[in-house]
């Protein structure tokens, strides 16, 4: 992920970032890897501002969100009280994928349902290890990730 020096970097807790920080990161990326500790990706953004963005340069988003625990259920209930029904419905996986597709993201890989933190950590490790070039490449390990790929990249067949 690319982020200007004054913004939140990959080690920063993104819940501390402003809406402007999020918009700058999303606007400058060709690929976006979100590893959410709790809740959904869209719960961190103002959806009305996201829909005004043009993310056609973003070829793929990986959203490892929807992490749940007994404590997070209570926090989600508390934070949901200030949100409209339409805002809450957009935080569901299929609706999030549709919204991101409409603003230009070509492909979205996302969890289908709520998951445990350690399961998302495993998914992140497997996805990252298979995407980052390595000098001594091991054989890929077959695994079930419980992810869905929404959208297809644009292809030209000549």
N, C-alpha and C. Protein backbone atom coordinates (compact mmCIF):
# COMPACT_ATOMS: atom_id res chain seq x y z
N UNK A 1 0.84 -1.16 0.00
CA UNK A 1 0.00 0.00 0.00
C UNK A 1 0.90 1.23 0.00
N UNK A 2 0.54 2.21 -0.79
CA UNK A 2 1.29 3.46 -0.88
C UNK A 2 0.61 4.50 0.01
N UNK A 3 1.39 5.21 0.79
CA UNK A 3 0.85 6.28 1.61
C UNK A 3 1.91 7.36 1.77
N UNK A 4 1.54 8.64 1.53
CA UNK A 4 2.49 9.72 1.76
C UNK A 4 2.97 9.72 3.21
N UNK A 5 4.16 10.27 3.43
CA UNK A 5 4.81 10.21 4.74
C UNK A 5 3.97 10.82 5.86
N UNK A 6 3.20 11.86 5.57
CA UNK A 6 2.43 12.50 6.63
C UNK A 6 1.17 11.73 6.99
N UNK A 7 0.87 10.69 6.25
CA UNK A 7 -0.36 9.94 6.50
C UNK A 7 -0.09 8.70 7.34
N UNK A 8 -1.15 8.00 7.65
CA UNK A 8 -1.04 6.73 8.36
C UNK A 8 -0.31 5.73 7.47
N UNK A 9 0.65 5.03 8.02
CA UNK A 9 1.33 4.02 7.23
C UNK A 9 0.80 2.64 7.59
N UNK A 10 1.40 1.61 7.03
CA UNK A 10 0.88 0.25 7.20
C UNK A 10 0.98 -0.25 8.64
N UNK A 11 1.70 0.45 9.48
CA UNK A 11 1.79 -0.01 10.88
C UNK A 11 0.86 0.77 11.80
N UNK A 12 0.17 1.75 11.27
CA UNK A 12 -0.70 2.60 12.07
C UNK A 12 -2.08 1.97 12.21
N UNK A 13 -2.70 2.17 13.34
CA UNK A 13 -4.07 1.73 13.53
C UNK A 13 -4.95 2.68 12.74
N UNK A 14 -5.62 2.16 11.70
CA UNK A 14 -6.35 3.02 10.79
C UNK A 14 -7.59 3.65 11.40
N UNK A 15 -8.06 3.17 12.54
CA UNK A 15 -9.20 3.83 13.15
C UNK A 15 -8.81 5.23 13.61
N UNK A 16 -7.51 5.51 13.73
CA UNK A 16 -7.05 6.83 14.12
C UNK A 16 -6.90 7.77 12.94
N UNK A 17 -7.00 7.25 11.73
CA UNK A 17 -6.85 8.07 10.53
C UNK A 17 -8.13 8.83 10.25
N UNK A 18 -7.97 9.99 9.64
CA UNK A 18 -9.13 10.80 9.29
C UNK A 18 -9.73 10.31 7.98
N UNK A 19 -10.91 10.79 7.67
CA UNK A 19 -11.56 10.46 6.40
C UNK A 19 -10.66 10.90 5.23
N UNK A 20 -10.02 12.04 5.36
CA UNK A 20 -9.12 12.53 4.31
C UNK A 20 -7.95 11.59 4.11
N UNK A 21 -7.37 11.08 5.20
CA UNK A 21 -6.28 10.11 5.10
C UNK A 21 -6.73 8.88 4.32
N UNK A 22 -7.90 8.36 4.68
CA UNK A 22 -8.44 7.19 3.97
C UNK A 22 -8.60 7.49 2.48
N UNK A 23 -9.17 8.64 2.17
CA UNK A 23 -9.41 9.00 0.77
C UNK A 23 -8.10 9.12 -0.01
N UNK A 24 -7.07 9.71 0.60
CA UNK A 24 -5.79 9.84 -0.08
C UNK A 24 -5.15 8.48 -0.34
N UNK A 25 -5.23 7.57 0.62
CA UNK A 25 -4.68 6.23 0.44
C UNK A 25 -5.42 5.51 -0.68
N UNK A 26 -6.75 5.54 -0.63
CA UNK A 26 -7.54 4.83 -1.63
C UNK A 26 -7.35 5.43 -3.02
N UNK A 27 -7.23 6.74 -3.09
CA UNK A 27 -7.10 7.42 -4.38
C UNK A 27 -5.74 7.17 -5.04
N UNK A 28 -4.74 6.79 -4.25
CA UNK A 28 -3.39 6.64 -4.81
C UNK A 28 -2.96 5.18 -4.99
N UNK A 29 -3.88 4.23 -4.84
CA UNK A 29 -3.44 2.84 -4.88
C UNK A 29 -3.96 2.09 -6.11
N UNK A 30 -3.19 1.10 -6.51
CA UNK A 30 -3.63 0.18 -7.56
C UNK A 30 -4.11 -1.13 -6.95
N UNK A 31 -3.69 -1.38 -5.72
CA UNK A 31 -4.13 -2.52 -4.94
C UNK A 31 -4.22 -2.11 -3.49
N UNK A 32 -5.18 -2.67 -2.77
CA UNK A 32 -5.41 -2.26 -1.40
C UNK A 32 -5.65 -3.50 -0.56
N UNK A 33 -4.89 -3.65 0.50
CA UNK A 33 -4.99 -4.81 1.39
C UNK A 33 -5.44 -4.30 2.75
N UNK A 34 -6.68 -4.60 3.14
CA UNK A 34 -7.22 -4.14 4.41
C UNK A 34 -7.32 -5.31 5.37
N UNK A 35 -6.67 -5.19 6.51
CA UNK A 35 -6.72 -6.20 7.56
C UNK A 35 -7.35 -5.52 8.77
N UNK A 36 -8.65 -5.69 8.90
CA UNK A 36 -9.38 -5.02 9.97
C UNK A 36 -9.39 -5.82 11.24
N UNK A 37 -9.10 -5.17 12.33
CA UNK A 37 -9.08 -5.84 13.61
C UNK A 37 -10.49 -6.08 14.13
N UNK A 38 -11.43 -5.28 13.72
CA UNK A 38 -12.79 -5.41 14.21
C UNK A 38 -13.73 -4.68 13.27
N UNK A 39 -14.91 -5.22 13.08
CA UNK A 39 -15.91 -4.54 12.27
C UNK A 39 -15.64 -4.67 10.79
N UNK A 40 -16.28 -3.80 10.03
CA UNK A 40 -16.17 -3.85 8.57
C UNK A 40 -15.34 -2.70 8.04
N UNK A 41 -14.85 -2.86 6.83
CA UNK A 41 -14.07 -1.83 6.15
C UNK A 41 -14.86 -0.53 6.05
N UNK A 42 -16.12 -0.63 5.61
CA UNK A 42 -16.91 0.59 5.42
C UNK A 42 -17.30 1.28 6.71
N UNK A 43 -17.19 0.60 7.84
CA UNK A 43 -17.52 1.25 9.11
C UNK A 43 -16.52 2.34 9.45
N UNK A 44 -15.40 2.37 8.76
CA UNK A 44 -14.36 3.38 9.02
C UNK A 44 -14.44 4.58 8.09
N UNK A 45 -15.35 4.54 7.12
CA UNK A 45 -15.43 5.59 6.11
C UNK A 45 -16.80 6.25 6.10
N UNK A 46 -16.83 7.48 5.60
CA UNK A 46 -18.10 8.15 5.33
C UNK A 46 -18.50 7.71 3.93
N UNK A 47 -19.54 6.90 3.85
CA UNK A 47 -19.93 6.28 2.58
C UNK A 47 -20.30 7.33 1.54
N UNK A 48 -20.94 8.41 1.95
CA UNK A 48 -21.34 9.45 1.01
C UNK A 48 -20.13 10.06 0.30
N UNK A 49 -18.99 10.13 0.97
CA UNK A 49 -17.78 10.65 0.34
C UNK A 49 -17.10 9.58 -0.50
N UNK A 50 -17.19 8.32 -0.08
CA UNK A 50 -16.60 7.23 -0.85
C UNK A 50 -17.27 7.11 -2.22
N UNK A 51 -18.58 7.24 -2.27
CA UNK A 51 -19.29 7.07 -3.55
C UNK A 51 -18.96 8.18 -4.54
N UNK A 52 -18.43 9.29 -4.07
CA UNK A 52 -18.03 10.39 -4.95
C UNK A 52 -16.62 10.19 -5.52
N UNK A 53 -15.91 9.16 -5.04
CA UNK A 53 -14.54 8.92 -5.48
C UNK A 53 -14.50 8.14 -6.79
N UNK A 54 -13.39 8.29 -7.50
CA UNK A 54 -13.14 7.50 -8.70
C UNK A 54 -11.96 6.59 -8.41
N UNK A 55 -12.25 5.30 -8.22
CA UNK A 55 -11.20 4.34 -7.87
C UNK A 55 -10.90 3.39 -9.03
N UNK A 56 -11.00 3.89 -10.27
CA UNK A 56 -10.78 3.04 -11.43
C UNK A 56 -9.34 2.55 -11.55
N UNK A 57 -8.39 3.22 -10.90
CA UNK A 57 -7.01 2.75 -10.94
C UNK A 57 -6.77 1.59 -9.98
N UNK A 58 -7.70 1.34 -9.08
CA UNK A 58 -7.55 0.25 -8.10
C UNK A 58 -7.97 -1.06 -8.75
N UNK A 59 -7.01 -1.91 -9.01
CA UNK A 59 -7.29 -3.17 -9.69
C UNK A 59 -7.84 -4.22 -8.75
N UNK A 60 -7.41 -4.20 -7.48
CA UNK A 60 -7.90 -5.21 -6.55
C UNK A 60 -7.87 -4.69 -5.12
N UNK A 61 -8.93 -5.05 -4.38
CA UNK A 61 -8.98 -4.80 -2.94
C UNK A 61 -9.15 -6.14 -2.25
N UNK A 62 -8.35 -6.35 -1.22
CA UNK A 62 -8.49 -7.52 -0.36
C UNK A 62 -8.97 -6.98 0.97
N UNK A 63 -10.17 -7.39 1.38
CA UNK A 63 -10.76 -6.91 2.62
C UNK A 63 -10.88 -8.05 3.62
N UNK A 64 -9.95 -8.10 4.54
CA UNK A 64 -10.02 -9.09 5.61
C UNK A 64 -10.58 -8.38 6.84
N UNK A 65 -11.89 -8.29 6.85
CA UNK A 65 -12.57 -7.59 7.94
C UNK A 65 -13.58 -8.53 8.59
N UNK A 66 -14.58 -7.99 9.20
CA UNK A 66 -15.65 -8.75 9.85
C UNK A 66 -15.15 -9.62 11.01
N UNK A 67 -14.08 -9.20 11.66
CA UNK A 67 -13.57 -9.93 12.82
C UNK A 67 -14.54 -9.73 13.98
N UNK A 68 -14.88 -10.82 14.63
CA UNK A 68 -15.86 -10.77 15.72
C UNK A 68 -15.35 -11.46 16.98
N UNK A 69 -15.77 -10.93 18.10
CA UNK A 69 -15.57 -11.54 19.41
C UNK A 69 -16.76 -11.11 20.26
N UNK A 70 -16.89 -11.64 21.44
CA UNK A 70 -18.03 -11.24 22.30
C UNK A 70 -17.94 -9.75 22.64
N UNK A 71 -16.72 -9.25 22.85
CA UNK A 71 -16.55 -7.83 23.15
C UNK A 71 -16.89 -6.96 21.94
N UNK A 72 -16.50 -7.41 20.75
CA UNK A 72 -16.74 -6.60 19.55
C UNK A 72 -18.23 -6.54 19.22
N UNK A 73 -18.99 -7.57 19.54
CA UNK A 73 -20.44 -7.54 19.30
C UNK A 73 -21.08 -6.41 20.09
N UNK A 74 -20.65 -6.24 21.33
CA UNK A 74 -21.20 -5.15 22.16
C UNK A 74 -20.81 -3.80 21.58
N UNK A 75 -19.53 -3.63 21.18
CA UNK A 75 -19.09 -2.36 20.60
C UNK A 75 -19.83 -2.08 19.29
N UNK A 76 -20.05 -3.12 18.48
CA UNK A 76 -20.77 -2.94 17.21
C UNK A 76 -22.19 -2.48 17.47
N UNK A 77 -22.84 -3.09 18.45
CA UNK A 77 -24.20 -2.69 18.80
C UNK A 77 -24.22 -1.23 19.24
N UNK A 78 -23.26 -0.84 20.07
CA UNK A 78 -23.19 0.54 20.54
C UNK A 78 -22.94 1.52 19.41
N UNK A 79 -22.02 1.19 18.49
CA UNK A 79 -21.70 2.10 17.39
C UNK A 79 -22.79 2.12 16.33
N UNK A 80 -23.59 1.07 16.25
CA UNK A 80 -24.65 1.00 15.25
C UNK A 80 -25.83 1.91 15.58
N UNK A 81 -25.95 2.29 16.83
CA UNK A 81 -27.08 3.12 17.24
C UNK A 81 -27.11 4.46 16.52
N UNK A 82 -25.94 4.98 16.11
CA UNK A 82 -25.88 6.29 15.45
C UNK A 82 -25.91 6.19 13.94
N UNK A 83 -26.08 4.99 13.39
CA UNK A 83 -26.05 4.82 11.94
C UNK A 83 -27.44 4.51 11.41
N UNK A 84 -27.68 4.95 10.18
CA UNK A 84 -28.96 4.67 9.54
C UNK A 84 -29.01 3.21 9.09
N UNK A 85 -30.21 2.75 8.79
CA UNK A 85 -30.39 1.38 8.32
C UNK A 85 -29.65 1.18 7.00
N UNK A 86 -29.69 2.18 6.12
CA UNK A 86 -28.99 2.05 4.83
C UNK A 86 -27.48 2.00 5.02
N UNK A 87 -26.93 2.77 5.96
CA UNK A 87 -25.50 2.72 6.24
C UNK A 87 -25.10 1.34 6.74
N UNK A 88 -25.88 0.79 7.66
CA UNK A 88 -25.59 -0.53 8.20
C UNK A 88 -25.68 -1.62 7.13
N UNK A 89 -26.63 -1.49 6.22
CA UNK A 89 -26.77 -2.52 5.18
C UNK A 89 -25.59 -2.50 4.21
N UNK A 90 -24.99 -1.33 4.01
CA UNK A 90 -23.83 -1.24 3.12
C UNK A 90 -22.59 -1.88 3.70
N UNK A 91 -22.58 -2.13 5.00
CA UNK A 91 -21.43 -2.75 5.65
C UNK A 91 -21.42 -4.27 5.51
N UNK A 92 -22.42 -4.83 4.84
CA UNK A 92 -22.46 -6.27 4.58
C UNK A 92 -21.54 -6.57 3.39
N UNK A 93 -20.98 -7.78 3.32
CA UNK A 93 -19.97 -8.09 2.29
C UNK A 93 -20.42 -7.88 0.84
N UNK A 94 -21.57 -8.37 0.46
CA UNK A 94 -22.00 -8.23 -0.93
C UNK A 94 -22.28 -6.77 -1.26
N UNK A 95 -22.93 -6.07 -0.36
CA UNK A 95 -23.24 -4.66 -0.59
C UNK A 95 -21.95 -3.83 -0.67
N UNK A 96 -20.97 -4.16 0.18
CA UNK A 96 -19.68 -3.48 0.12
C UNK A 96 -19.01 -3.71 -1.23
N UNK A 97 -19.04 -4.94 -1.71
CA UNK A 97 -18.43 -5.27 -3.01
C UNK A 97 -19.14 -4.52 -4.13
N UNK A 98 -20.45 -4.46 -4.09
CA UNK A 98 -21.21 -3.73 -5.12
C UNK A 98 -20.82 -2.26 -5.12
N UNK A 99 -20.79 -1.66 -3.94
CA UNK A 99 -20.44 -0.24 -3.83
C UNK A 99 -19.03 0.03 -4.35
N UNK A 100 -18.07 -0.80 -3.96
CA UNK A 100 -16.69 -0.62 -4.43
C UNK A 100 -16.59 -0.83 -5.94
N UNK A 101 -17.35 -1.76 -6.48
CA UNK A 101 -17.38 -1.97 -7.93
C UNK A 101 -17.93 -0.75 -8.64
N UNK A 102 -18.97 -0.16 -8.07
CA UNK A 102 -19.58 1.02 -8.69
C UNK A 102 -18.64 2.22 -8.72
N UNK A 103 -17.73 2.33 -7.75
CA UNK A 103 -16.78 3.45 -7.76
C UNK A 103 -15.52 3.12 -8.54
N UNK A 104 -15.44 1.91 -9.13
CA UNK A 104 -14.36 1.61 -10.05
C UNK A 104 -13.40 0.50 -9.69
N UNK A 105 -13.47 -0.06 -8.48
CA UNK A 105 -12.55 -1.14 -8.11
C UNK A 105 -12.85 -2.35 -8.99
N UNK A 106 -11.82 -2.89 -9.63
CA UNK A 106 -12.04 -3.99 -10.58
C UNK A 106 -12.38 -5.30 -9.91
N UNK A 107 -11.66 -5.69 -8.86
CA UNK A 107 -11.90 -6.97 -8.18
C UNK A 107 -11.80 -6.78 -6.68
N UNK A 108 -12.69 -7.47 -5.96
CA UNK A 108 -12.71 -7.39 -4.51
C UNK A 108 -12.67 -8.80 -3.95
N UNK A 109 -11.73 -9.07 -3.07
CA UNK A 109 -11.66 -10.33 -2.36
C UNK A 109 -12.07 -10.02 -0.92
N UNK A 110 -13.11 -10.71 -0.43
CA UNK A 110 -13.63 -10.36 0.90
C UNK A 110 -14.14 -11.59 1.63
N UNK A 111 -14.16 -11.47 2.95
CA UNK A 111 -14.76 -12.52 3.77
C UNK A 111 -16.26 -12.61 3.46
N UNK A 112 -16.77 -13.83 3.53
CA UNK A 112 -18.20 -14.04 3.31
C UNK A 112 -19.00 -13.81 4.58
N UNK A 113 -18.41 -14.06 5.74
CA UNK A 113 -19.13 -14.01 7.00
C UNK A 113 -18.15 -13.61 8.11
N UNK A 114 -18.69 -13.25 9.29
CA UNK A 114 -17.82 -12.90 10.41
C UNK A 114 -16.84 -14.02 10.74
N UNK A 115 -15.68 -13.63 11.23
CA UNK A 115 -14.61 -14.59 11.48
C UNK A 115 -13.83 -14.21 12.73
N UNK A 116 -13.02 -15.12 13.19
CA UNK A 116 -12.16 -14.86 14.34
C UNK A 116 -10.88 -14.17 13.89
N UNK A 117 -10.28 -13.42 14.79
CA UNK A 117 -9.05 -12.69 14.49
C UNK A 117 -7.95 -13.63 14.01
N UNK A 118 -7.77 -14.76 14.68
CA UNK A 118 -6.70 -15.68 14.28
C UNK A 118 -6.95 -16.29 12.91
N UNK A 119 -8.22 -16.46 12.51
CA UNK A 119 -8.53 -16.97 11.17
C UNK A 119 -8.16 -15.93 10.11
N UNK A 120 -8.46 -14.66 10.39
CA UNK A 120 -8.06 -13.60 9.45
C UNK A 120 -6.55 -13.47 9.38
N UNK A 121 -5.87 -13.67 10.49
CA UNK A 121 -4.41 -13.62 10.50
C UNK A 121 -3.84 -14.71 9.59
N UNK A 122 -4.42 -15.90 9.65
CA UNK A 122 -3.99 -16.99 8.78
C UNK A 122 -4.25 -16.64 7.31
N UNK A 123 -5.43 -16.11 7.01
CA UNK A 123 -5.75 -15.70 5.63
C UNK A 123 -4.76 -14.66 5.13
N UNK A 124 -4.48 -13.67 5.98
CA UNK A 124 -3.55 -12.60 5.59
C UNK A 124 -2.17 -13.17 5.29
N UNK A 125 -1.70 -14.07 6.13
CA UNK A 125 -0.38 -14.69 5.94
C UNK A 125 -0.34 -15.47 4.64
N UNK A 126 -1.36 -16.27 4.39
CA UNK A 126 -1.40 -17.08 3.16
C UNK A 126 -1.46 -16.19 1.93
N UNK A 127 -2.34 -15.20 1.95
CA UNK A 127 -2.46 -14.30 0.79
C UNK A 127 -1.17 -13.51 0.58
N UNK A 128 -0.61 -12.97 1.64
CA UNK A 128 0.60 -12.16 1.52
C UNK A 128 1.78 -13.00 1.04
N UNK A 129 1.94 -14.20 1.61
CA UNK A 129 3.04 -15.08 1.21
C UNK A 129 2.94 -15.49 -0.25
N UNK A 130 1.73 -15.62 -0.77
CA UNK A 130 1.55 -16.02 -2.16
C UNK A 130 1.63 -14.85 -3.13
N UNK A 131 1.54 -13.62 -2.63
CA UNK A 131 1.58 -12.45 -3.51
C UNK A 131 2.95 -11.78 -3.55
N UNK A 132 3.68 -11.81 -2.45
CA UNK A 132 4.97 -11.13 -2.37
C UNK A 132 6.04 -12.04 -2.98
N UNK A 133 6.78 -11.54 -3.97
CA UNK A 133 7.84 -12.36 -4.57
C UNK A 133 8.88 -12.76 -3.54
N UNK A 134 9.30 -14.00 -3.59
CA UNK A 134 10.29 -14.50 -2.66
C UNK A 134 11.43 -15.14 -3.44
N UNK A 135 12.65 -15.01 -2.89
CA UNK A 135 13.83 -15.58 -3.55
C UNK A 135 13.74 -17.11 -3.60
N UNK A 136 13.44 -17.74 -2.48
CA UNK A 136 13.31 -19.19 -2.46
C UNK A 136 11.84 -19.54 -2.26
N UNK A 137 11.17 -19.77 -3.34
CA UNK A 137 9.73 -20.01 -3.34
C UNK A 137 9.41 -21.44 -2.92
N UNK A 138 8.56 -21.59 -1.92
CA UNK A 138 8.11 -22.91 -1.51
C UNK A 138 6.90 -23.30 -2.36
N UNK A 139 6.55 -24.57 -2.31
CA UNK A 139 5.34 -25.03 -2.98
C UNK A 139 4.14 -24.38 -2.31
N UNK A 140 3.14 -23.96 -3.11
CA UNK A 140 1.94 -23.37 -2.49
C UNK A 140 1.22 -24.40 -1.61
N UNK A 141 0.69 -23.93 -0.49
CA UNK A 141 -0.03 -24.81 0.42
C UNK A 141 -1.52 -24.70 0.14
N UNK A 142 -2.18 -25.83 -0.18
CA UNK A 142 -3.62 -25.76 -0.38
C UNK A 142 -4.32 -25.46 0.94
N UNK A 143 -5.31 -24.59 0.89
CA UNK A 143 -6.05 -24.24 2.10
C UNK A 143 -7.40 -23.68 1.72
N UNK A 144 -8.32 -23.71 2.64
CA UNK A 144 -9.63 -23.11 2.45
C UNK A 144 -9.62 -21.76 3.13
N UNK A 145 -9.87 -20.69 2.37
CA UNK A 145 -9.80 -19.36 2.93
C UNK A 145 -11.16 -18.79 3.30
N UNK A 146 -12.23 -19.30 2.73
CA UNK A 146 -13.55 -18.76 3.02
C UNK A 146 -13.73 -17.35 2.48
N UNK A 147 -13.07 -17.05 1.36
CA UNK A 147 -13.16 -15.74 0.74
C UNK A 147 -13.94 -15.83 -0.55
N UNK A 148 -14.46 -14.70 -1.00
CA UNK A 148 -15.17 -14.62 -2.28
C UNK A 148 -14.50 -13.56 -3.12
N UNK A 149 -14.32 -13.85 -4.42
CA UNK A 149 -13.81 -12.87 -5.37
C UNK A 149 -15.00 -12.28 -6.10
N UNK A 150 -15.21 -10.98 -5.94
CA UNK A 150 -16.29 -10.28 -6.61
C UNK A 150 -15.69 -9.52 -7.79
N UNK A 151 -16.34 -9.56 -8.93
CA UNK A 151 -15.88 -8.83 -10.10
C UNK A 151 -14.79 -9.60 -10.81
N UNK A 152 -14.58 -9.24 -12.03
CA UNK A 152 -13.52 -9.84 -12.82
C UNK A 152 -12.66 -8.74 -13.42
N UNK A 153 -11.36 -8.93 -13.47
CA UNK A 153 -10.51 -7.90 -14.07
C UNK A 153 -10.86 -7.74 -15.54
N UNK A 154 -10.72 -6.54 -16.04
CA UNK A 154 -10.95 -6.29 -17.46
C UNK A 154 -9.85 -6.96 -18.25
N UNK A 155 -10.22 -7.70 -19.27
CA UNK A 155 -9.23 -8.39 -20.10
C UNK A 155 -9.50 -8.10 -21.56
N UNK A 156 -8.45 -7.91 -22.30
CA UNK A 156 -8.56 -7.74 -23.74
C UNK A 156 -7.92 -8.95 -24.39
N UNK A 157 -8.67 -9.62 -25.23
CA UNK A 157 -8.15 -10.80 -25.93
C UNK A 157 -7.90 -10.39 -27.37
N UNK A 158 -6.63 -10.47 -27.78
CA UNK A 158 -6.25 -10.04 -29.12
C UNK A 158 -5.97 -11.25 -29.97
